[in-house]
Amino acid sequence: MNIESFQAYCLTKKGVTEELPFGPETIAYKVAGKVFALTTLDRTPFSINLKCDPEKATQLREEHDCVLPGYHMNKKHWNTVIIDGSIKDSVLREWIDHSYDLVVQSLPGKVREQLV
């Protein structure tokens, strides 16, 4: 996965916006104003931050060298994934989906209904 395909995939999700809340180098993907994915434009290889269930976050870090505690994030709920080619794109899309779904589940019912 490259940065362009990551961006395009995030934007296919219902209700997603792409914003630059932390400056011109960091792109945040939000649903209903809540971040579910982040990436920076000034790092090589590029990396993404994704929200994750705490147990799953720990498991992924143990199983994959490219998965680290979330950089500048709550390390219990966020992972940083270094996109170095060691994880298949289909798996990365599953992790993005998981992050998006966690954020959507935390939204008020009325907002969730608008996303269906």
PDB file of N, CA and C in Angstrom:
ATOM      1  N   MET A   1       0.856  -1.172   0.000  1.00  0.00           N
ATOM      2  CA  MET A   1       0.000   0.000   0.000  1.00  0.00           C
ATOM      3  C   MET A   1       0.901   1.234   0.000  1.00  0.00           C
ATOM      4  N   ASN A   2       0.563   2.176  -0.830  1.00  0.00           N
ATOM      5  CA  ASN A   2       1.279   3.438  -0.807  1.00  0.00           C
ATOM      6  C   ASN A   2       0.368   4.513  -0.209  1.00  0.00           C
ATOM      7  N   ILE A   3       0.902   5.689  -0.031  1.00  0.00           N
ATOM      8  CA  ILE A   3       0.134   6.736   0.638  1.00  0.00           C
ATOM      9  C   ILE A   3      -1.115   7.118  -0.159  1.00  0.00           C
ATOM     10  N   GLU A   4      -1.023   7.091  -1.482  1.00  0.00           N
ATOM     11  CA  GLU A   4      -2.175   7.447  -2.303  1.00  0.00           C
ATOM     12  C   GLU A   4      -3.304   6.431  -2.153  1.00  0.00           C
ATOM     13  N   SER A   5      -2.963   5.148  -2.128  1.00  0.00           N
ATOM     14  CA  SER A   5      -4.008   4.132  -1.978  1.00  0.00           C
ATOM     15  C   SER A   5      -4.580   4.148  -0.561  1.00  0.00           C
ATOM     16  N   PHE A   6      -3.754   4.468   0.444  1.00  0.00           N
ATOM     17  CA  PHE A   6      -4.250   4.631   1.813  1.00  0.00           C
ATOM     18  C   PHE A   6      -5.264   5.767   1.873  1.00  0.00           C
ATOM     19  N   GLN A   7      -4.903   6.903   1.300  1.00  0.00           N
ATOM     20  CA  GLN A   7      -5.800   8.056   1.301  1.00  0.00           C
ATOM     21  C   GLN A   7      -7.110   7.727   0.583  1.00  0.00           C
ATOM     22  N   ALA A   8      -6.998   7.127  -0.580  1.00  0.00           N
ATOM     23  CA  ALA A   8      -8.186   6.800  -1.360  1.00  0.00           C
ATOM     24  C   ALA A   8      -9.087   5.826  -0.606  1.00  0.00           C
ATOM     25  N   TYR A   9      -8.482   4.828   0.056  1.00  0.00           N
ATOM     26  CA  TYR A   9      -9.290   3.851   0.791  1.00  0.00           C
ATOM     27  C   TYR A   9     -10.017   4.513   1.966  1.00  0.00           C
ATOM     28  N   CYS A  10      -9.329   5.337   2.712  1.00  0.00           N
ATOM     29  CA  CYS A  10      -9.969   6.024   3.841  1.00  0.00           C
ATOM     30  C   CYS A  10     -11.163   6.849   3.372  1.00  0.00           C
ATOM     31  N   LEU A  11     -11.007   7.492   2.244  1.00  0.00           N
ATOM     32  CA  LEU A  11     -12.072   8.367   1.738  1.00  0.00           C
ATOM     33  C   LEU A  11     -13.270   7.610   1.158  1.00  0.00           C
ATOM     34  N   THR A  12     -13.145   6.284   0.993  1.00  0.00           N
ATOM     35  CA  THR A  12     -14.298   5.501   0.534  1.00  0.00           C
ATOM     36  C   THR A  12     -15.284   5.246   1.666  1.00  0.00           C
ATOM     37  N   LYS A  13     -14.852   5.455   2.890  1.00  0.00           N
ATOM     38  CA  LYS A  13     -15.705   5.197   4.054  1.00  0.00           C
ATOM     39  C   LYS A  13     -16.768   6.280   4.171  1.00  0.00           C
ATOM     40  N   LYS A  14     -17.946   5.881   4.574  1.00  0.00           N
ATOM     41  CA  LYS A  14     -19.073   6.807   4.676  1.00  0.00           C
ATOM     42  C   LYS A  14     -18.812   7.874   5.743  1.00  0.00           C
ATOM     43  N   GLY A  15     -19.027   9.135   5.368  1.00  0.00           N
ATOM     44  CA  GLY A  15     -18.926  10.248   6.306  1.00  0.00           C
ATOM     45  C   GLY A  15     -17.519  10.705   6.641  1.00  0.00           C
ATOM     46  N   VAL A  16     -16.520  10.240   5.887  1.00  0.00           N
ATOM     47  CA  VAL A  16     -15.121  10.551   6.209  1.00  0.00           C
ATOM     48  C   VAL A  16     -14.697  11.880   5.592  1.00  0.00           C
ATOM     49  N   THR A  17     -13.941  12.630   6.400  1.00  0.00           N
ATOM     50  CA  THR A  17     -13.308  13.852   5.923  1.00  0.00           C
ATOM     51  C   THR A  17     -11.799  13.723   6.083  1.00  0.00           C
ATOM     52  N   GLU A  18     -11.078  14.446   5.234  1.00  0.00           N
ATOM     53  CA  GLU A  18      -9.620  14.489   5.294  1.00  0.00           C
ATOM     54  C   GLU A  18      -9.258  15.896   5.760  1.00  0.00           C
ATOM     55  N   GLU A  19      -8.500  15.983   6.861  1.00  0.00           N
ATOM     56  CA  GLU A  19      -8.185  17.288   7.440  1.00  0.00           C
ATOM     57  C   GLU A  19      -6.709  17.381   7.810  1.00  0.00           C
ATOM     58  N   LEU A  20      -6.258  18.610   8.030  1.00  0.00           N
ATOM     59  CA  LEU A  20      -4.874  18.880   8.430  1.00  0.00           C
ATOM     60  C   LEU A  20      -4.859  19.616   9.779  1.00  0.00           C
ATOM     61  N   PRO A  21      -5.341  18.991  10.856  1.00  0.00           N
ATOM     62  CA  PRO A  21      -5.472  19.704  12.127  1.00  0.00           C
ATOM     63  C   PRO A  21      -4.159  19.947  12.863  1.00  0.00           C
ATOM     64  N   PHE A  22      -3.106  19.246  12.473  1.00  0.00           N
ATOM     65  CA  PHE A  22      -1.828  19.351  13.183  1.00  0.00           C
ATOM     66  C   PHE A  22      -0.737  19.984  12.337  1.00  0.00           C
ATOM     67  N   GLY A  23      -1.108  20.626  11.257  1.00  0.00           N
ATOM     68  CA  GLY A  23      -0.131  21.242  10.370  1.00  0.00           C
ATOM     69  C   GLY A  23      -0.142  20.567   9.015  1.00  0.00           C
ATOM     70  N   PRO A  24       0.626  21.104   8.072  1.00  0.00           N
ATOM     71  CA  PRO A  24       0.570  20.633   6.688  1.00  0.00           C
ATOM     72  C   PRO A  24       1.191  19.259   6.441  1.00  0.00           C
ATOM     73  N   GLU A  25       1.907  18.692   7.400  1.00  0.00           N
ATOM     74  CA  GLU A  25       2.548  17.391   7.193  1.00  0.00           C
ATOM     75  C   GLU A  25       1.725  16.215   7.688  1.00  0.00           C
ATOM     76  N   THR A  26       0.683  16.453   8.483  1.00  0.00           N
ATOM     77  CA  THR A  26      -0.090  15.362   9.086  1.00  0.00           C
ATOM     78  C   THR A  26      -1.533  15.405   8.600  1.00  0.00           C
ATOM     79  N   ILE A  27      -1.950  14.314   7.974  1.00  0.00           N
ATOM     80  CA  ILE A  27      -3.320  14.210   7.482  1.00  0.00           C
ATOM     81  C   ILE A  27      -4.113  13.333   8.448  1.00  0.00           C
ATOM     82  N   ALA A  28      -5.262  13.831   8.861  1.00  0.00           N
ATOM     83  CA  ALA A  28      -6.164  13.077   9.731  1.00  0.00           C
ATOM     84  C   ALA A  28      -7.415  12.707   8.959  1.00  0.00           C
ATOM     85  N   TYR A  29      -7.855  11.482   9.141  1.00  0.00           N
ATOM     86  CA  TYR A  29      -9.107  11.019   8.564  1.00  0.00           C
ATOM     87  C   TYR A  29     -10.100  10.883   9.704  1.00  0.00           C
ATOM     88  N   LYS A  30     -11.235  11.590   9.558  1.00  0.00           N
ATOM     89  CA  LYS A  30     -12.223  11.657  10.622  1.00  0.00           C
ATOM     90  C   LYS A  30     -13.577  11.186  10.122  1.00  0.00           C
ATOM     91  N   VAL A  31     -14.337  10.625  11.053  1.00  0.00           N
ATOM     92  CA  VAL A  31     -15.742  10.329  10.805  1.00  0.00           C
ATOM     93  C   VAL A  31     -16.515  11.035  11.911  1.00  0.00           C
ATOM     94  N   ALA A  32     -17.461  11.864  11.521  1.00  0.00           N
ATOM     95  CA  ALA A  32     -18.260  12.661  12.464  1.00  0.00           C
ATOM     96  C   ALA A  32     -17.359  13.452  13.416  1.00  0.00           C
ATOM     97  N   GLY A  33     -16.249  13.966  12.879  1.00  0.00           N
ATOM     98  CA  GLY A  33     -15.347  14.794  13.663  1.00  0.00           C
ATOM     99  C   GLY A  33     -14.363  14.049  14.547  1.00  0.00           C
ATOM    100  N   LYS A  34     -14.382  12.718  14.520  1.00  0.00           N
ATOM    101  CA  LYS A  34     -13.483  11.906  15.358  1.00  0.00           C
ATOM    102  C   LYS A  34     -12.450  11.208  14.474  1.00  0.00           C
ATOM    103  N   VAL A  35     -11.196  11.279  14.876  1.00  0.00           N
ATOM    104  CA  VAL A  35     -10.087  10.701  14.112  1.00  0.00           C
ATOM    105  C   VAL A  35     -10.108   9.174  14.204  1.00  0.00           C
ATOM    106  N   PHE A  36      -9.957   8.528  13.043  1.00  0.00           N
ATOM    107  CA  PHE A  36      -9.759   7.074  13.035  1.00  0.00           C
ATOM    108  C   PHE A  36      -8.447   6.675  12.368  1.00  0.00           C
ATOM    109  N   ALA A  37      -7.814   7.596  11.639  1.00  0.00           N
ATOM    110  CA  ALA A  37      -6.537   7.297  10.989  1.00  0.00           C
ATOM    111  C   ALA A  37      -5.749   8.586  10.782  1.00  0.00           C
ATOM    112  N   LEU A  38      -4.443   8.451  10.891  1.00  0.00           N
ATOM    113  CA  LEU A  38      -3.518   9.576  10.683  1.00  0.00           C
ATOM    114  C   LEU A  38      -2.333   9.087   9.867  1.00  0.00           C
ATOM    115  N   THR A  39      -1.748   9.984   9.105  1.00  0.00           N
ATOM    116  CA  THR A  39      -0.481   9.701   8.448  1.00  0.00           C
ATOM    117  C   THR A  39       0.289  11.002   8.311  1.00  0.00           C
ATOM    118  N   THR A  40       1.597  10.872   8.178  1.00  0.00           N
ATOM    119  CA  THR A  40       2.431  12.057   7.958  1.00  0.00           C
ATOM    120  C   THR A  40       3.009  11.996   6.554  1.00  0.00           C
ATOM    121  N   LEU A  41       3.210  13.166   5.984  1.00  0.00           N
ATOM    122  CA  LEU A  41       3.725  13.252   4.623  1.00  0.00           C
ATOM    123  C   LEU A  41       5.243  13.361   4.569  1.00  0.00           C
ATOM    124  N   ASP A  42       5.885  13.500   5.729  1.00  0.00           N
ATOM    125  CA  ASP A  42       7.321  13.775   5.745  1.00  0.00           C
ATOM    126  C   ASP A  42       8.161  12.620   6.284  1.00  0.00           C
ATOM    127  N   ARG A  43       7.628  11.396   6.250  1.00  0.00           N
ATOM    128  CA  ARG A  43       8.396  10.248   6.742  1.00  0.00           C
ATOM    129  C   ARG A  43       8.524   9.196   5.653  1.00  0.00           C
ATOM    130  N   THR A  44       9.692   8.562   5.612  1.00  0.00           N
ATOM    131  CA  THR A  44       9.926   7.458   4.683  1.00  0.00           C
ATOM    132  C   THR A  44      10.547   6.315   5.464  1.00  0.00           C
ATOM    133  N   PRO A  45      10.012   5.087   5.445  1.00  0.00           N
ATOM    134  CA  PRO A  45       8.746   4.759   4.807  1.00  0.00           C
ATOM    135  C   PRO A  45       7.593   5.420   5.565  1.00  0.00           C
ATOM    136  N   PHE A  46       6.489   5.568   4.870  1.00  0.00           N
ATOM    137  CA  PHE A  46       5.373   6.229   5.533  1.00  0.00           C
ATOM    138  C   PHE A  46       4.738   5.295   6.545  1.00  0.00           C
ATOM    139  N   SER A  47       4.069   5.889   7.514  1.00  0.00           N
ATOM    140  CA  SER A  47       3.412   5.114   8.564  1.00  0.00           C
ATOM    141  C   SER A  47       2.005   5.659   8.764  1.00  0.00           C
ATOM    142  N   ILE A  48       1.167   4.821   9.363  1.00  0.00           N
ATOM    143  CA  ILE A  48      -0.195   5.237   9.672  1.00  0.00           C
ATOM    144  C   ILE A  48      -0.494   4.927  11.130  1.00  0.00           C
ATOM    145  N   ASN A  49      -1.272   5.787  11.750  1.00  0.00           N
ATOM    146  CA  ASN A  49      -1.767   5.536  13.102  1.00  0.00           C
ATOM    147  C   ASN A  49      -3.219   5.106  12.971  1.00  0.00           C
ATOM    148  N   LEU A  50      -3.551   4.000  13.634  1.00  0.00           N
ATOM    149  CA  LEU A  50      -4.905   3.472  13.595  1.00  0.00           C
ATOM    150  C   LEU A  50      -5.388   3.141  14.991  1.00  0.00           C
ATOM    151  N   LYS A  51      -6.640   3.472  15.252  1.00  0.00           N
ATOM    152  CA  LYS A  51      -7.264   3.110  16.522  1.00  0.00           C
ATOM    153  C   LYS A  51      -7.440   1.595  16.526  1.00  0.00           C
ATOM    154  N   CYS A  52      -7.339   0.998  17.721  1.00  0.00           N
ATOM    155  CA  CYS A  52      -7.402  -0.452  17.801  1.00  0.00           C
ATOM    156  C   CYS A  52      -7.913  -0.873  19.169  1.00  0.00           C
ATOM    157  N   ASP A  53      -8.682  -1.944  19.189  1.00  0.00           N
ATOM    158  CA  ASP A  53      -9.088  -2.540  20.452  1.00  0.00           C
ATOM    159  C   ASP A  53      -7.819  -2.852  21.254  1.00  0.00           C
ATOM    160  N   PRO A  54      -7.775  -2.510  22.553  1.00  0.00           N
ATOM    161  CA  PRO A  54      -6.537  -2.677  23.324  1.00  0.00           C
ATOM    162  C   PRO A  54      -5.930  -4.080  23.271  1.00  0.00           C
ATOM    163  N   GLU A  55      -6.733  -5.123  23.376  1.00  0.00           N
ATOM    164  CA  GLU A  55      -6.182  -6.481  23.319  1.00  0.00           C
ATOM    165  C   GLU A  55      -5.611  -6.786  21.944  1.00  0.00           C
ATOM    166  N   LYS A  56      -6.341  -6.383  20.925  1.00  0.00           N
ATOM    167  CA  LYS A  56      -5.870  -6.603  19.554  1.00  0.00           C
ATOM    168  C   LYS A  56      -4.614  -5.786  19.283  1.00  0.00           C
ATOM    169  N   ALA A  57      -4.551  -4.563  19.833  1.00  0.00           N
ATOM    170  CA  ALA A  57      -3.374  -3.709  19.642  1.00  0.00           C
ATOM    171  C   ALA A  57      -2.120  -4.413  20.154  1.00  0.00           C
ATOM    172  N   THR A  58      -2.209  -4.970  21.339  1.00  0.00           N
ATOM    173  CA  THR A  58      -1.072  -5.680  21.932  1.00  0.00           C
ATOM    174  C   THR A  58      -0.707  -6.903  21.097  1.00  0.00           C
ATOM    175  N   GLN A  59      -1.710  -7.647  20.674  1.00  0.00           N
ATOM    176  CA  GLN A  59      -1.477  -8.843  19.862  1.00  0.00           C
ATOM    177  C   GLN A  59      -0.763  -8.490  18.554  1.00  0.00           C
ATOM    178  N   LEU A  60      -1.225  -7.440  17.877  1.00  0.00           N
ATOM    179  CA  LEU A  60      -0.601  -7.050  16.611  1.00  0.00           C
ATOM    180  C   LEU A  60       0.844  -6.623  16.802  1.00  0.00           C
ATOM    181  N   ARG A  61       1.124  -5.925  17.898  1.00  0.00           N
ATOM    182  CA  ARG A  61       2.508  -5.506  18.178  1.00  0.00           C
ATOM    183  C   ARG A  61       3.409  -6.703  18.401  1.00  0.00           C
ATOM    184  N   GLU A  62       2.869  -7.746  19.061  1.00  0.00           N
ATOM    185  CA  GLU A  62       3.661  -8.953  19.321  1.00  0.00           C
ATOM    186  C   GLU A  62       3.905  -9.753  18.044  1.00  0.00           C
ATOM    187  N   GLU A  63       2.939  -9.714  17.129  1.00  0.00           N
ATOM    188  CA  GLU A  63       3.023 -10.531  15.909  1.00  0.00           C
ATOM    189  C   GLU A  63       3.779  -9.869  14.760  1.00  0.00           C
ATOM    190  N   HIS A  64       3.836  -8.538  14.760  1.00  0.00           N
ATOM    191  CA  HIS A  64       4.407  -7.829  13.607  1.00  0.00           C
ATOM    192  C   HIS A  64       5.415  -6.777  14.059  1.00  0.00           C
ATOM    193  N   ASP A  65       6.627  -6.864  13.547  1.00  0.00           N
ATOM    194  CA  ASP A  65       7.665  -5.886  13.886  1.00  0.00           C
ATOM    195  C   ASP A  65       7.318  -4.479  13.427  1.00  0.00           C
ATOM    196  N   CYS A  66       6.492  -4.363  12.404  1.00  0.00           N
ATOM    197  CA  CYS A  66       6.155  -3.045  11.850  1.00  0.00           C
ATOM    198  C   CYS A  66       5.008  -2.365  12.598  1.00  0.00           C
ATOM    199  N   VAL A  67       4.452  -3.024  13.616  1.00  0.00           N
ATOM    200  CA  VAL A  67       3.361  -2.441  14.404  1.00  0.00           C
ATOM    201  C   VAL A  67       3.920  -2.034  15.761  1.00  0.00           C
ATOM    202  N   LEU A  68       3.798  -0.740  16.045  1.00  0.00           N
ATOM    203  CA  LEU A  68       4.357  -0.152  17.256  1.00  0.00           C
ATOM    204  C   LEU A  68       3.261   0.565  18.046  1.00  0.00           C
ATOM    205  N   PRO A  69       3.518   0.849  19.316  1.00  0.00           N
ATOM    206  CA  PRO A  69       2.553   1.676  20.056  1.00  0.00           C
ATOM    207  C   PRO A  69       2.357   3.011  19.336  1.00  0.00           C
ATOM    208  N   GLY A  70       1.159   3.527  19.375  1.00  0.00           N
ATOM    209  CA  GLY A  70       0.810   4.733  18.638  1.00  0.00           C
ATOM    210  C   GLY A  70       1.709   5.919  18.942  1.00  0.00           C
ATOM    211  N   TYR A  71       2.360   6.440  17.920  1.00  0.00           N
ATOM    212  CA  TYR A  71       3.254   7.586  18.048  1.00  0.00           C
ATOM    213  C   TYR A  71       2.424   8.833  18.350  1.00  0.00           C
ATOM    214  N   HIS A  72       2.723   9.484  19.466  1.00  0.00           N
ATOM    215  CA  HIS A  72       2.002  10.680  19.924  1.00  0.00           C
ATOM    216  C   HIS A  72       0.514  10.420  20.164  1.00  0.00           C
ATOM    217  N   MET A  73       0.165   9.177  20.486  1.00  0.00           N
ATOM    218  CA  MET A  73      -1.232   8.808  20.705  1.00  0.00           C
ATOM    219  C   MET A  73      -1.329   8.004  22.003  1.00  0.00           C
ATOM    220  N   ASN A  74      -2.552   7.748  22.443  1.00  0.00           N
ATOM    221  CA  ASN A  74      -2.777   6.875  23.586  1.00  0.00           C
ATOM    222  C   ASN A  74      -2.338   5.466  23.172  1.00  0.00           C
ATOM    223  N   LYS A  75      -1.272   4.992  23.776  1.00  0.00           N
ATOM    224  CA  LYS A  75      -0.663   3.736  23.344  1.00  0.00           C
ATOM    225  C   LYS A  75      -1.512   2.508  23.648  1.00  0.00           C
ATOM    226  N   LYS A  76      -2.496   2.661  24.492  1.00  0.00           N
ATOM    227  CA  LYS A  76      -3.408   1.553  24.778  1.00  0.00           C
ATOM    228  C   LYS A  76      -4.381   1.347  23.615  1.00  0.00           C
ATOM    229  N   HIS A  77      -4.771   2.428  22.959  1.00  0.00           N
ATOM    230  CA  HIS A  77      -5.827   2.371  21.946  1.00  0.00           C
ATOM    231  C   HIS A  77      -5.356   2.645  20.519  1.00  0.00           C
ATOM    232  N   TRP A  78      -4.091   2.948  20.321  1.00  0.00           N
ATOM    233  CA  TRP A  78      -3.600   3.308  18.987  1.00  0.00           C
ATOM    234  C   TRP A  78      -2.316   2.559  18.664  1.00  0.00           C
ATOM    235  N   ASN A  79      -2.198   2.151  17.415  1.00  0.00           N
ATOM    236  CA  ASN A  79      -0.978   1.565  16.881  1.00  0.00           C
ATOM    237  C   ASN A  79      -0.451   2.436  15.754  1.00  0.00           C
ATOM    238  N   THR A  80       0.856   2.480  15.638  1.00  0.00           N
ATOM    239  CA  THR A  80       1.508   3.034  14.464  1.00  0.00           C
ATOM    240  C   THR A  80       1.981   1.858  13.629  1.00  0.00           C
ATOM    241  N   VAL A  81       1.599   1.859  12.361  1.00  0.00           N
ATOM    242  CA  VAL A  81       1.987   0.787  11.444  1.00  0.00           C
ATOM    243  C   VAL A  81       2.949   1.378  10.425  1.00  0.00           C
ATOM    244  N   ILE A  82       4.168   0.858  10.408  1.00  0.00           N
ATOM    245  CA  ILE A  82       5.162   1.264   9.422  1.00  0.00           C
ATOM    246  C   ILE A  82       4.842   0.497   8.136  1.00  0.00           C
ATOM    247  N   ILE A  83       4.601   1.224   7.071  1.00  0.00           N
ATOM    248  CA  ILE A  83       4.241   0.595   5.801  1.00  0.00           C
ATOM    249  C   ILE A  83       5.534   0.254   5.060  1.00  0.00           C
ATOM    250  N   ASP A  84       6.032  -0.949   5.342  1.00  0.00           N
ATOM    251  CA  ASP A  84       7.320  -1.382   4.797  1.00  0.00           C
ATOM    252  C   ASP A  84       7.172  -2.560   3.833  1.00  0.00           C
ATOM    253  N   GLY A  85       5.930  -2.914   3.499  1.00  0.00           N
ATOM    254  CA  GLY A  85       5.700  -4.016   2.580  1.00  0.00           C
ATOM    255  C   GLY A  85       5.531  -5.365   3.257  1.00  0.00           C
ATOM    256  N   SER A  86       5.687  -5.430   4.568  1.00  0.00           N
ATOM    257  CA  SER A  86       5.595  -6.715   5.257  1.00  0.00           C
ATOM    258  C   SER A  86       4.150  -7.144   5.556  1.00  0.00           C
ATOM    259  N   ILE A  87       3.214  -6.226   5.437  1.00  0.00           N
ATOM    260  CA  ILE A  87       1.796  -6.533   5.676  1.00  0.00           C
ATOM    261  C   ILE A  87       1.050  -6.380   4.348  1.00  0.00           C
ATOM    262  N   LYS A  88       0.251  -7.369   4.003  1.00  0.00           N
ATOM    263  CA  LYS A  88      -0.523  -7.314   2.760  1.00  0.00           C
ATOM    264  C   LYS A  88      -1.518  -6.159   2.805  1.00  0.00           C
ATOM    265  N   ASP A  89      -1.785  -5.588   1.643  1.00  0.00           N
ATOM    266  CA  ASP A  89      -2.752  -4.489   1.546  1.00  0.00           C
ATOM    267  C   ASP A  89      -4.117  -4.888   2.081  1.00  0.00           C
ATOM    268  N   SER A  90      -4.525  -6.120   1.834  1.00  0.00           N
ATOM    269  CA  SER A  90      -5.838  -6.571   2.313  1.00  0.00           C
ATOM    270  C   SER A  90      -5.904  -6.560   3.840  1.00  0.00           C
ATOM    271  N   VAL A  91      -4.816  -6.893   4.488  1.00  0.00           N
ATOM    272  CA  VAL A  91      -4.765  -6.869   5.958  1.00  0.00           C
ATOM    273  C   VAL A  91      -4.772  -5.422   6.452  1.00  0.00           C
ATOM    274  N   LEU A  92      -4.025  -4.561   5.781  1.00  0.00           N
ATOM    275  CA  LEU A  92      -4.033  -3.148   6.156  1.00  0.00           C
ATOM    276  C   LEU A  92      -5.440  -2.559   6.028  1.00  0.00           C
ATOM    277  N   ARG A  93      -6.147  -2.936   4.962  1.00  0.00           N
ATOM    278  CA  ARG A  93      -7.530  -2.456   4.811  1.00  0.00           C
ATOM    279  C   ARG A  93      -8.414  -2.971   5.946  1.00  0.00           C
ATOM    280  N   GLU A  94      -8.207  -4.206   6.387  1.00  0.00           N
ATOM    281  CA  GLU A  94      -8.961  -4.742   7.535  1.00  0.00           C
ATOM    282  C   GLU A  94      -8.675  -3.915   8.792  1.00  0.00           C
ATOM    283  N   TRP A  95      -7.422  -3.536   9.000  1.00  0.00           N
ATOM    284  CA  TRP A  95      -7.068  -2.743  10.174  1.00  0.00           C
ATOM    285  C   TRP A  95      -7.675  -1.346  10.094  1.00  0.00           C
ATOM    286  N   ILE A  96      -7.697  -0.773   8.898  1.00  0.00           N
ATOM    287  CA  ILE A  96      -8.340   0.530   8.705  1.00  0.00           C
ATOM    288  C   ILE A  96      -9.834   0.404   9.002  1.00  0.00           C
ATOM    289  N   ASP A  97     -10.454  -0.660   8.495  1.00  0.00           N
ATOM    290  CA  ASP A  97     -11.879  -0.904   8.755  1.00  0.00           C
ATOM    291  C   ASP A  97     -12.145  -1.022  10.255  1.00  0.00           C
ATOM    292  N   HIS A  98     -11.287  -1.755  10.951  1.00  0.00           N
ATOM    293  CA  HIS A  98     -11.434  -1.939  12.399  1.00  0.00           C
ATOM    294  C   HIS A  98     -11.379  -0.588  13.114  1.00  0.00           C
ATOM    295  N   SER A  99     -10.444   0.244  12.735  1.00  0.00           N
ATOM    296  CA  SER A  99     -10.302   1.564  13.338  1.00  0.00           C
ATOM    297  C   SER A  99     -11.551   2.406  13.095  1.00  0.00           C
ATOM    298  N   TYR A 100     -11.996   2.440  11.845  1.00  0.00           N
ATOM    299  CA  TYR A 100     -13.200   3.188  11.480  1.00  0.00           C
ATOM    300  C   TYR A 100     -14.400   2.681  12.279  1.00  0.00           C
ATOM    301  N   ASP A 101     -14.563   1.357  12.331  1.00  0.00           N
ATOM    302  CA  ASP A 101     -15.706   0.766  13.031  1.00  0.00           C
ATOM    303  C   ASP A 101     -15.689   1.091  14.521  1.00  0.00           C
ATOM    304  N   LEU A 102     -14.517   1.079  15.145  1.00  0.00           N
ATOM    305  CA  LEU A 102     -14.418   1.430  16.567  1.00  0.00           C
ATOM    306  C   LEU A 102     -14.904   2.857  16.808  1.00  0.00           C
ATOM    307  N   VAL A 103     -14.493   3.760  15.953  1.00  0.00           N
ATOM    308  CA  VAL A 103     -14.903   5.159  16.114  1.00  0.00           C
ATOM    309  C   VAL A 103     -16.401   5.301  15.873  1.00  0.00           C
ATOM    310  N   VAL A 104     -16.905   4.657  14.837  1.00  0.00           N
ATOM    311  CA  VAL A 104     -18.345   4.736  14.549  1.00  0.00           C
ATOM    312  C   VAL A 104     -19.149   4.174  15.718  1.00  0.00           C
ATOM    313  N   GLN A 105     -18.712   3.071  16.302  1.00  0.00           N
ATOM    314  CA  GLN A 105     -19.419   2.470  17.432  1.00  0.00           C
ATOM    315  C   GLN A 105     -19.478   3.402  18.640  1.00  0.00           C
ATOM    316  N   SER A 106     -18.518   4.294  18.756  1.00  0.00           N
ATOM    317  CA  SER A 106     -18.468   5.208  19.909  1.00  0.00           C
ATOM    318  C   SER A 106     -19.347   6.446  19.708  1.00  0.00           C
ATOM    319  N   LEU A 107     -19.883   6.618  18.513  1.00  0.00           N
ATOM    320  CA  LEU A 107     -20.695   7.795  18.213  1.00  0.00           C
ATOM    321  C   LEU A 107     -22.112   7.632  18.765  1.00  0.00           C
ATOM    322  N   PRO A 108     -22.780   8.743  19.037  1.00  0.00           N
ATOM    323  CA  PRO A 108     -24.176   8.657  19.466  1.00  0.00           C
ATOM    324  C   PRO A 108     -25.028   7.947  18.411  1.00  0.00           C
ATOM    325  N   GLY A 109     -26.059   7.260  18.854  1.00  0.00           N
ATOM    326  CA  GLY A 109     -26.912   6.468  17.976  1.00  0.00           C
ATOM    327  C   GLY A 109     -27.451   7.244  16.787  1.00  0.00           C
ATOM    328  N   LYS A 110     -27.854   8.465  17.010  1.00  0.00           N
ATOM    329  CA  LYS A 110     -28.418   9.277  15.935  1.00  0.00           C
ATOM    330  C   LYS A 110     -27.373   9.528  14.832  1.00  0.00           C
ATOM    331  N   VAL A 111     -26.149   9.761  15.234  1.00  0.00           N
ATOM    332  CA  VAL A 111     -25.071   9.997  14.259  1.00  0.00           C
ATOM    333  C   VAL A 111     -24.749   8.694  13.520  1.00  0.00           C
ATOM    334  N   ARG A 112     -24.696   7.573  14.259  1.00  0.00           N
ATOM    335  CA  ARG A 112     -24.440   6.272  13.624  1.00  0.00           C
ATOM    336  C   ARG A 112     -25.493   5.957  12.574  1.00  0.00           C
ATOM    337  N   GLU A 113     -26.753   6.251  12.876  1.00  0.00           N
ATOM    338  CA  GLU A 113     -27.842   5.977  11.929  1.00  0.00           C
ATOM    339  C   GLU A 113     -27.641   6.727  10.611  1.00  0.00           C
ATOM    340  N   GLN A 114     -27.085   7.916  10.676  1.00  0.00           N
ATOM    341  CA  GLN A 114     -26.844   8.707   9.466  1.00  0.00           C
ATOM    342  C   GLN A 114     -25.739   8.105   8.603  1.00  0.00           C
ATOM    343  N   LEU A 115     -24.901   7.280   9.212  1.00  0.00           N
ATOM    344  CA  LEU A 115     -23.786   6.668   8.483  1.00  0.00           C
ATOM    345  C   LEU A 115     -24.149   5.340   7.835  1.00  0.00           C
ATOM    346  N   VAL A 116     -25.329   4.828   8.129  1.00  0.00           N
ATOM    347  CA  VAL A 116     -25.731   3.522   7.589  1.00  0.00           C
ATOM    348  C   VAL A 116     -26.265   3.670   6.183  1.00  0.00           C
TER     349      VAL A 116
END
